[in-house]
Amino acid sequence: MTQEIVGGADLRGRIRDIISNELELAPGELTETGSFIDEYDADSLSLITIITRFEKELGIVLPKDEVAQLVDLTSVYTLVQQYTAGEPQSV
């Protein structure tokens, strides 16, 4: 039995939990399109910490220079999909 990695509900839930924890939000407060910086007062350090936790806890390696792409939960899902599906696609 294999587990779907990209876009699986379990993975999305784990991503949501990590981000909620790092931004000190209740899981229900985090929305798909809420801006991490504007709505949740995230800074670049908290976003780097999120990327580091993805690597440690989920085995997903996202380059630190992609921090600017992490603007909301939807963008995180998209970026994770790019880096777990093989070579990142140019934008």
C-alpha atoms as a PDB file:
ATOM      1  CA  MET A   1       0.000   0.000   0.000  1.00  0.00           C
ATOM      2  CA  THR A   2       1.497   3.332  -0.991  1.00  0.00           C
ATOM      3  CA  GLN A   3       0.588   6.709   0.375  1.00  0.00           C
ATOM      4  CA  GLU A   4      -0.104   9.563  -2.014  1.00  0.00           C
ATOM      5  CA  ILE A   5       2.434  12.243  -1.227  1.00  0.00           C
ATOM      6  CA  VAL A   6       1.591  15.157  -3.490  1.00  0.00           C
ATOM      7  CA  GLY A   7      -1.665  16.824  -2.587  1.00  0.00           C
ATOM      8  CA  GLY A   8      -2.832  14.039  -0.306  1.00  0.00           C
ATOM      9  CA  ALA A   9      -5.255  15.086   2.414  1.00  0.00           C
ATOM     10  CA  ASP A  10      -2.917  13.742   5.115  1.00  0.00           C
ATOM     11  CA  LEU A  11       0.033  15.749   3.781  1.00  0.00           C
ATOM     12  CA  ARG A  12      -2.078  18.886   3.452  1.00  0.00           C
ATOM     13  CA  GLY A  13      -3.226  18.435   7.037  1.00  0.00           C
ATOM     14  CA  ARG A  14       0.331  18.055   8.267  1.00  0.00           C
ATOM     15  CA  ILE A  15       1.408  21.149   6.304  1.00  0.00           C
ATOM     16  CA  ARG A  16      -1.519  23.109   7.769  1.00  0.00           C
ATOM     17  CA  ASP A  17      -0.592  21.945  11.298  1.00  0.00           C
ATOM     18  CA  ILE A  18       3.045  23.006  10.919  1.00  0.00           C
ATOM     19  CA  ILE A  19       2.112  26.434   9.597  1.00  0.00           C
ATOM     20  CA  SER A  20      -0.591  26.965  12.236  1.00  0.00           C
ATOM     21  CA  ASN A  21       1.869  25.999  14.950  1.00  0.00           C
ATOM     22  CA  GLU A  22       4.649  28.263  13.679  1.00  0.00           C
ATOM     23  CA  LEU A  23       2.315  31.240  13.231  1.00  0.00           C
ATOM     24  CA  GLU A  24       0.703  30.492  16.612  1.00  0.00           C
ATOM     25  CA  LEU A  25      -2.776  30.103  15.127  1.00  0.00           C
ATOM     26  CA  ALA A  26      -5.622  27.796  15.979  1.00  0.00           C
ATOM     27  CA  PRO A  27      -6.005  25.380  13.019  1.00  0.00           C
ATOM     28  CA  GLY A  28      -9.390  26.893  12.140  1.00  0.00           C
ATOM     29  CA  GLU A  29      -7.899  30.404  11.861  1.00  0.00           C
ATOM     30  CA  LEU A  30      -5.648  29.520   8.927  1.00  0.00           C
ATOM     31  CA  THR A  31      -7.415  29.939   5.578  1.00  0.00           C
ATOM     32  CA  GLU A  32      -6.295  28.822   2.125  1.00  0.00           C
ATOM     33  CA  THR A  33      -5.832  32.392   0.859  1.00  0.00           C
ATOM     34  CA  GLY A  34      -5.008  34.338   4.027  1.00  0.00           C
ATOM     35  CA  SER A  35      -1.736  36.218   3.613  1.00  0.00           C
ATOM     36  CA  PHE A  36       0.899  34.923   6.017  1.00  0.00           C
ATOM     37  CA  ILE A  37       2.475  38.371   6.315  1.00  0.00           C
ATOM     38  CA  ASP A  38      -0.538  40.688   6.119  1.00  0.00           C
ATOM     39  CA  GLU A  39      -3.114  38.626   8.017  1.00  0.00           C
ATOM     40  CA  TYR A  40      -1.021  36.416  10.307  1.00  0.00           C
ATOM     41  CA  ASP A  41       1.978  38.697  11.019  1.00  0.00           C
ATOM     42  CA  ALA A  42       4.562  36.206   9.742  1.00  0.00           C
ATOM     43  CA  ASP A  43       8.101  37.373   9.076  1.00  0.00           C
ATOM     44  CA  SER A  44      10.884  35.895   6.974  1.00  0.00           C
ATOM     45  CA  LEU A  45      12.332  34.013   9.954  1.00  0.00           C
ATOM     46  CA  SER A  46       9.037  32.242  10.664  1.00  0.00           C
ATOM     47  CA  LEU A  47       8.745  31.303   6.981  1.00  0.00           C
ATOM     48  CA  ILE A  48      12.272  29.877   6.978  1.00  0.00           C
ATOM     49  CA  THR A  49      11.392  27.936  10.117  1.00  0.00           C
ATOM     50  CA  ILE A  50       8.345  26.512   8.321  1.00  0.00           C
ATOM     51  CA  ILE A  51      10.539  25.371   5.413  1.00  0.00           C
ATOM     52  CA  THR A  52      12.973  23.794   7.878  1.00  0.00           C
ATOM     53  CA  ARG A  53      10.157  21.917   9.617  1.00  0.00           C
ATOM     54  CA  PHE A  54       8.881  20.634   6.256  1.00  0.00           C
ATOM     55  CA  GLU A  55      12.341  19.178   5.657  1.00  0.00           C
ATOM     56  CA  LYS A  56      12.717  17.652   9.131  1.00  0.00           C
ATOM     57  CA  GLU A  57       9.184  16.401   9.696  1.00  0.00           C
ATOM     58  CA  LEU A  58       7.951  15.657   6.187  1.00  0.00           C
ATOM     59  CA  GLY A  59      11.130  15.032   4.211  1.00  0.00           C
ATOM     60  CA  ILE A  60      10.215  17.814   1.768  1.00  0.00           C
ATOM     61  CA  VAL A  61      13.157  19.979   0.763  1.00  0.00           C
ATOM     62  CA  LEU A  62      12.265  23.478  -0.424  1.00  0.00           C
ATOM     63  CA  PRO A  63      15.081  25.887  -1.269  1.00  0.00           C
ATOM     64  CA  LYS A  64      15.381  28.762   1.201  1.00  0.00           C
ATOM     65  CA  ASP A  65      15.298  31.201  -1.728  1.00  0.00           C
ATOM     66  CA  GLU A  66      11.665  30.143  -2.312  1.00  0.00           C
ATOM     67  CA  VAL A  67      10.559  31.884   0.908  1.00  0.00           C
ATOM     68  CA  ALA A  68       9.152  34.792  -1.111  1.00  0.00           C
ATOM     69  CA  GLN A  69       6.794  32.337  -2.833  1.00  0.00           C
ATOM     70  CA  LEU A  70       5.174  31.342   0.483  1.00  0.00           C
ATOM     71  CA  VAL A  71       2.424  33.934   0.638  1.00  0.00           C
ATOM     72  CA  ASP A  72      -0.550  31.790   1.678  1.00  0.00           C
ATOM     73  CA  LEU A  73      -1.545  28.176   2.195  1.00  0.00           C
ATOM     74  CA  THR A  74      -2.456  27.695  -1.467  1.00  0.00           C
ATOM     75  CA  SER A  75       1.003  28.847  -2.566  1.00  0.00           C
ATOM     76  CA  VAL A  76       2.591  26.413  -0.094  1.00  0.00           C
ATOM     77  CA  TYR A  77       0.606  23.496  -1.535  1.00  0.00           C
ATOM     78  CA  THR A  78       1.660  24.517  -5.060  1.00  0.00           C
ATOM     79  CA  LEU A  79       5.327  24.845  -4.116  1.00  0.00           C
ATOM     80  CA  VAL A  80       5.341  21.536  -2.241  1.00  0.00           C
ATOM     81  CA  GLN A  81       3.783  19.852  -5.262  1.00  0.00           C
ATOM     82  CA  GLN A  82       6.480  21.289  -7.543  1.00  0.00           C
ATOM     83  CA  TYR A  83       9.290  20.027  -5.333  1.00  0.00           C
ATOM     84  CA  THR A  84       7.806  16.623  -4.594  1.00  0.00           C
ATOM     85  CA  ALA A  85       6.812  15.878  -8.190  1.00  0.00           C
ATOM     86  CA  GLY A  86      10.350  16.137  -9.537  1.00  0.00           C
ATOM     87  CA  GLU A  87      12.212  19.077 -10.973  1.00  0.00           C
ATOM     88  CA  PRO A  88      10.678  22.463 -10.168  1.00  0.00           C
ATOM     89  CA  GLN A  89       8.897  24.091 -13.071  1.00  0.00           C
ATOM     90  CA  SER A  90      10.000  27.545 -14.114  1.00  0.00           C
ATOM     91  CA  VAL A  91       7.433  30.248 -13.561  1.00  0.00           C
END
